[in-house]
Amino acid sequence: MEIDRNKPARYYSMGRPYQWIKYQDRRSIVMTEIDPAKIVLAQPVREEEGAISYRSYRRCLRRRGLILLDVKILEVLIENQPLIPDSWLQTVGLEGKRGVIWFDGTIGTDWQDGDQIAFMAYRPEDGRWISASGFHGDTRDHSDFSACYQLE
């Protein structure tokens, strides 16, 4: 799957553009081609652990050697939905009943100075994945999945 980095990503929160980008995973934003089969839905928190800080959550993913995927990769997946593995639907459940898929490789700041992260969720009424942006909060738990790239 080709990622055209010459065309800028659209960063939106509640219909308005992000004010600025606070963080981007450097390894993700240089990727110009990825194999969708190597995208993993990582979930570093077990249910019995409760919640951990968002900072610890991201650090845990990076320690595993995973690349946190950015919003541009999310856009390409939304535009090319047949490339999204069917297993993702079983993982997150219908309408995100068991969570959504976060793209933690980009953290933006909205017009109210709140941190925003893009995510995708499945809409059963039209059988499509949608993207949105939301506050990541201070913690993550077992219902949170992050789209990451697994290096060989």
C-alpha atoms as a PDB file:
ATOM      1  CA  MET A   1       0.000   0.000   0.000  1.00  0.00           C
ATOM      2  CA  GLU A   2       1.501   3.304  -1.098  1.00  0.00           C
ATOM      3  CA  ILE A   3       1.509   6.319   1.231  1.00  0.00           C
ATOM      4  CA  ASP A   4       1.792   9.596  -0.691  1.00  0.00           C
ATOM      5  CA  ARG A   5       3.663  11.871   1.705  1.00  0.00           C
ATOM      6  CA  ASN A   6       3.646  14.717  -0.843  1.00  0.00           C
ATOM      7  CA  LYS A   7      -0.079  15.171  -0.229  1.00  0.00           C
ATOM      8  CA  PRO A   8      -0.568  16.525   3.305  1.00  0.00           C
ATOM      9  CA  ALA A   9      -2.760  14.695   5.777  1.00  0.00           C
ATOM     10  CA  ARG A  10      -6.020  16.260   6.890  1.00  0.00           C
ATOM     11  CA  TYR A  11      -5.959  16.736  10.644  1.00  0.00           C
ATOM     12  CA  TYR A  12      -9.411  17.446  11.995  1.00  0.00           C
ATOM     13  CA  SER A  13     -11.079  17.574  15.379  1.00  0.00           C
ATOM     14  CA  MET A  14     -14.812  18.126  15.668  1.00  0.00           C
ATOM     15  CA  GLY A  15     -14.912  19.456  12.108  1.00  0.00           C
ATOM     16  CA  ARG A  16     -12.102  21.964  12.631  1.00  0.00           C
ATOM     17  CA  PRO A  17      -8.441  21.581  11.659  1.00  0.00           C
ATOM     18  CA  TYR A  18      -5.937  20.822  14.408  1.00  0.00           C
ATOM     19  CA  GLN A  19      -4.241  23.998  15.575  1.00  0.00           C
ATOM     20  CA  TRP A  20      -0.852  22.286  15.456  1.00  0.00           C
ATOM     21  CA  ILE A  21       0.755  18.879  15.590  1.00  0.00           C
ATOM     22  CA  LYS A  22       2.174  18.131  19.021  1.00  0.00           C
ATOM     23  CA  TYR A  23       3.783  14.741  18.288  1.00  0.00           C
ATOM     24  CA  GLN A  24       4.430  12.471  15.316  1.00  0.00           C
ATOM     25  CA  ASP A  25       6.186   9.117  15.371  1.00  0.00           C
ATOM     26  CA  ARG A  26       9.259   9.825  13.227  1.00  0.00           C
ATOM     27  CA  ARG A  27       9.424   6.232  12.042  1.00  0.00           C
ATOM     28  CA  SER A  28       5.826   6.334  10.800  1.00  0.00           C
ATOM     29  CA  ILE A  29       5.898   9.659   8.954  1.00  0.00           C
ATOM     30  CA  VAL A  30       8.785   8.537   6.712  1.00  0.00           C
ATOM     31  CA  MET A  31       6.991   5.382   5.572  1.00  0.00           C
ATOM     32  CA  THR A  32       5.965   5.629   1.912  1.00  0.00           C
ATOM     33  CA  GLU A  33       4.844   2.040   1.479  1.00  0.00           C
ATOM     34  CA  ILE A  34       3.501  -0.526   3.926  1.00  0.00           C
ATOM     35  CA  ASP A  35       2.192  -4.061   3.824  1.00  0.00           C
ATOM     36  CA  PRO A  36      -1.289  -4.033   5.440  1.00  0.00           C
ATOM     37  CA  ALA A  37      -0.661  -7.600   6.648  1.00  0.00           C
ATOM     38  CA  LYS A  38       2.081  -6.230   8.946  1.00  0.00           C
ATOM     39  CA  ILE A  39      -0.250  -3.802  10.691  1.00  0.00           C
ATOM     40  CA  VAL A  40      -1.056  -5.163  14.128  1.00  0.00           C
ATOM     41  CA  LEU A  41      -3.727  -4.041  16.541  1.00  0.00           C
ATOM     42  CA  ALA A  42      -1.690  -3.817  19.702  1.00  0.00           C
ATOM     43  CA  GLN A  43      -3.254  -3.914  23.128  1.00  0.00           C
ATOM     44  CA  PRO A  44      -0.563  -3.739  25.816  1.00  0.00           C
ATOM     45  CA  VAL A  45      -2.982  -3.636  28.765  1.00  0.00           C
ATOM     46  CA  ARG A  46      -4.630  -6.774  30.105  1.00  0.00           C
ATOM     47  CA  GLU A  47      -8.113  -6.495  31.607  1.00  0.00           C
ATOM     48  CA  GLU A  48      -6.915  -7.409  35.099  1.00  0.00           C
ATOM     49  CA  GLU A  49      -4.363  -4.569  35.012  1.00  0.00           C
ATOM     50  CA  GLY A  50      -7.021  -1.874  34.859  1.00  0.00           C
ATOM     51  CA  ALA A  51      -5.773   1.336  33.285  1.00  0.00           C
ATOM     52  CA  ILE A  52      -2.245   2.644  32.775  1.00  0.00           C
ATOM     53  CA  SER A  53      -1.064   6.142  31.934  1.00  0.00           C
ATOM     54  CA  TYR A  54      -1.128   7.086  28.280  1.00  0.00           C
ATOM     55  CA  ARG A  55       2.603   7.800  28.404  1.00  0.00           C
ATOM     56  CA  SER A  56       3.316   4.275  29.762  1.00  0.00           C
ATOM     57  CA  TYR A  57       1.003   2.819  27.135  1.00  0.00           C
ATOM     58  CA  ARG A  58       2.928   4.431  24.262  1.00  0.00           C
ATOM     59  CA  ARG A  59       6.276   3.513  25.798  1.00  0.00           C
ATOM     60  CA  CYS A  60       5.160  -0.133  26.101  1.00  0.00           C
ATOM     61  CA  LEU A  61       4.259  -0.235  22.400  1.00  0.00           C
ATOM     62  CA  ARG A  62       7.590   1.273  21.348  1.00  0.00           C
ATOM     63  CA  ARG A  63       9.545  -1.138  23.571  1.00  0.00           C
ATOM     64  CA  ARG A  64       7.948  -3.985  21.637  1.00  0.00           C
ATOM     65  CA  GLY A  65       9.551  -2.540  18.506  1.00  0.00           C
ATOM     66  CA  LEU A  66       6.221  -1.379  17.104  1.00  0.00           C
ATOM     67  CA  ILE A  67       5.837   1.755  15.020  1.00  0.00           C
ATOM     68  CA  LEU A  68       2.851   3.875  16.061  1.00  0.00           C
ATOM     69  CA  LEU A  69       1.009   4.627  12.825  1.00  0.00           C
ATOM     70  CA  ASP A  70       0.142   8.214  11.949  1.00  0.00           C
ATOM     71  CA  VAL A  71      -3.034   9.852  10.677  1.00  0.00           C
ATOM     72  CA  LYS A  72      -1.880   9.793   7.031  1.00  0.00           C
ATOM     73  CA  ILE A  73      -1.854   5.980   7.106  1.00  0.00           C
ATOM     74  CA  LEU A  74      -5.343   6.073   8.620  1.00  0.00           C
ATOM     75  CA  GLU A  75      -6.518   8.251   5.723  1.00  0.00           C
ATOM     76  CA  VAL A  76      -5.092   5.836   3.141  1.00  0.00           C
ATOM     77  CA  LEU A  77      -6.828   2.894   4.845  1.00  0.00           C
ATOM     78  CA  ILE A  78     -10.165   4.733   4.974  1.00  0.00           C
ATOM     79  CA  GLU A  79      -9.824   5.552   1.247  1.00  0.00           C
ATOM     80  CA  ASN A  80      -8.914   1.907   0.442  1.00  0.00           C
ATOM     81  CA  GLN A  81     -11.201  -0.070   2.750  1.00  0.00           C
ATOM     82  CA  PRO A  82     -10.820  -3.420   0.946  1.00  0.00           C
ATOM     83  CA  LEU A  83      -7.228  -3.425   2.294  1.00  0.00           C
ATOM     84  CA  ILE A  84      -8.458  -3.409   5.912  1.00  0.00           C
ATOM     85  CA  PRO A  85      -8.200  -6.957   7.261  1.00  0.00           C
ATOM     86  CA  ASP A  86     -11.526  -8.605   8.178  1.00  0.00           C
ATOM     87  CA  SER A  87      -9.978  -9.620  11.495  1.00  0.00           C
ATOM     88  CA  TRP A  88     -10.075  -5.991  12.648  1.00  0.00           C
ATOM     89  CA  LEU A  89     -13.855  -6.121  12.815  1.00  0.00           C
ATOM     90  CA  GLN A  90     -13.733  -9.194  15.048  1.00  0.00           C
ATOM     91  CA  THR A  91     -11.163  -7.445  17.243  1.00  0.00           C
ATOM     92  CA  VAL A  92     -13.024  -4.188  17.872  1.00  0.00           C
ATOM     93  CA  GLY A  93     -16.571  -5.481  17.481  1.00  0.00           C
ATOM     94  CA  LEU A  94     -19.495  -3.753  15.863  1.00  0.00           C
ATOM     95  CA  GLU A  95     -19.710  -0.024  16.579  1.00  0.00           C
ATOM     96  CA  GLY A  96     -16.561  -0.259  18.700  1.00  0.00           C
ATOM     97  CA  LYS A  97     -18.314  -2.348  21.381  1.00  0.00           C
ATOM     98  CA  ARG A  98     -14.882  -3.577  22.432  1.00  0.00           C
ATOM     99  CA  GLY A  99     -12.995  -0.411  21.533  1.00  0.00           C
ATOM    100  CA  VAL A 100     -11.771   1.630  18.600  1.00  0.00           C
ATOM    101  CA  ILE A 101      -8.485   1.591  16.711  1.00  0.00           C
ATOM    102  CA  TRP A 102      -6.285   4.548  17.653  1.00  0.00           C
ATOM    103  CA  PHE A 103      -3.583   5.933  15.359  1.00  0.00           C
ATOM    104  CA  ASP A 104      -1.219   7.152  18.081  1.00  0.00           C
ATOM    105  CA  GLY A 105       1.540   8.154  15.654  1.00  0.00           C
ATOM    106  CA  THR A 106       0.030  11.665  15.463  1.00  0.00           C
ATOM    107  CA  ILE A 107      -1.129  13.774  18.382  1.00  0.00           C
ATOM    108  CA  GLY A 108      -2.725  17.076  17.447  1.00  0.00           C
ATOM    109  CA  THR A 109      -4.067  19.935  19.489  1.00  0.00           C
ATOM    110  CA  ASP A 110      -7.574  21.189  18.821  1.00  0.00           C
ATOM    111  CA  TRP A 111      -8.972  24.688  18.942  1.00  0.00           C
ATOM    112  CA  GLN A 112      -9.563  24.300  22.710  1.00  0.00           C
ATOM    113  CA  ASP A 113      -5.927  23.197  23.304  1.00  0.00           C
ATOM    114  CA  GLY A 114      -6.938  19.608  23.993  1.00  0.00           C
ATOM    115  CA  ASP A 115      -4.806  16.708  22.739  1.00  0.00           C
ATOM    116  CA  GLN A 116      -6.524  14.824  19.926  1.00  0.00           C
ATOM    117  CA  ILE A 117      -5.742  11.453  18.347  1.00  0.00           C
ATOM    118  CA  ALA A 118      -7.348  10.056  15.226  1.00  0.00           C
ATOM    119  CA  PHE A 119      -9.152   6.722  15.388  1.00  0.00           C
ATOM    120  CA  MET A 120     -11.269   4.456  13.245  1.00  0.00           C
ATOM    121  CA  ALA A 121     -14.452   2.584  14.072  1.00  0.00           C
ATOM    122  CA  TYR A 122     -16.827   0.363  12.130  1.00  0.00           C
ATOM    123  CA  ARG A 123     -20.364   1.492  11.234  1.00  0.00           C
ATOM    124  CA  PRO A 124     -22.588  -1.544  10.646  1.00  0.00           C
ATOM    125  CA  GLU A 125     -25.450   0.532   9.201  1.00  0.00           C
ATOM    126  CA  ASP A 126     -23.459   1.160   6.021  1.00  0.00           C
ATOM    127  CA  GLY A 127     -20.770  -1.515   6.385  1.00  0.00           C
ATOM    128  CA  ARG A 128     -17.903   0.984   6.355  1.00  0.00           C
ATOM    129  CA  TRP A 129     -15.060   2.085   8.548  1.00  0.00           C
ATOM    130  CA  ILE A 130     -15.095   5.750   9.543  1.00  0.00           C
ATOM    131  CA  SER A 131     -12.398   7.961  10.964  1.00  0.00           C
ATOM    132  CA  ALA A 132     -12.737  10.553  13.670  1.00  0.00           C
ATOM    133  CA  SER A 133     -10.615  12.246  16.281  1.00  0.00           C
ATOM    134  CA  GLY A 134     -10.998  12.256  20.029  1.00  0.00           C
ATOM    135  CA  PHE A 135      -9.392  13.173  23.302  1.00  0.00           C
ATOM    136  CA  HIS A 136      -6.986  10.435  24.266  1.00  0.00           C
ATOM    137  CA  GLY A 137      -7.399  11.040  27.973  1.00  0.00           C
ATOM    138  CA  ASP A 138      -4.786  10.393  30.608  1.00  0.00           C
ATOM    139  CA  THR A 139      -5.107   6.610  30.627  1.00  0.00           C
ATOM    140  CA  ARG A 140      -5.661   3.604  28.389  1.00  0.00           C
ATOM    141  CA  ASP A 141      -7.174   0.248  29.295  1.00  0.00           C
ATOM    142  CA  HIS A 142      -7.838  -3.210  27.822  1.00  0.00           C
ATOM    143  CA  SER A 143     -10.495  -1.872  25.422  1.00  0.00           C
ATOM    144  CA  ASP A 144      -7.977   0.345  23.612  1.00  0.00           C
ATOM    145  CA  PHE A 145      -6.264  -0.896  20.458  1.00  0.00           C
ATOM    146  CA  SER A 146      -3.487   0.920  18.606  1.00  0.00           C
ATOM    147  CA  ALA A 147      -2.634   0.478  14.927  1.00  0.00           C
ATOM    148  CA  CYS A 148       1.067  -0.309  14.796  1.00  0.00           C
ATOM    149  CA  TYR A 149       3.485  -1.590  12.207  1.00  0.00           C
ATOM    150  CA  GLN A 150       5.440  -4.718  13.006  1.00  0.00           C
ATOM    151  CA  LEU A 151       8.978  -4.637  11.685  1.00  0.00           C
ATOM    152  CA  GLU A 152      10.442  -7.921  10.517  1.00  0.00           C
END
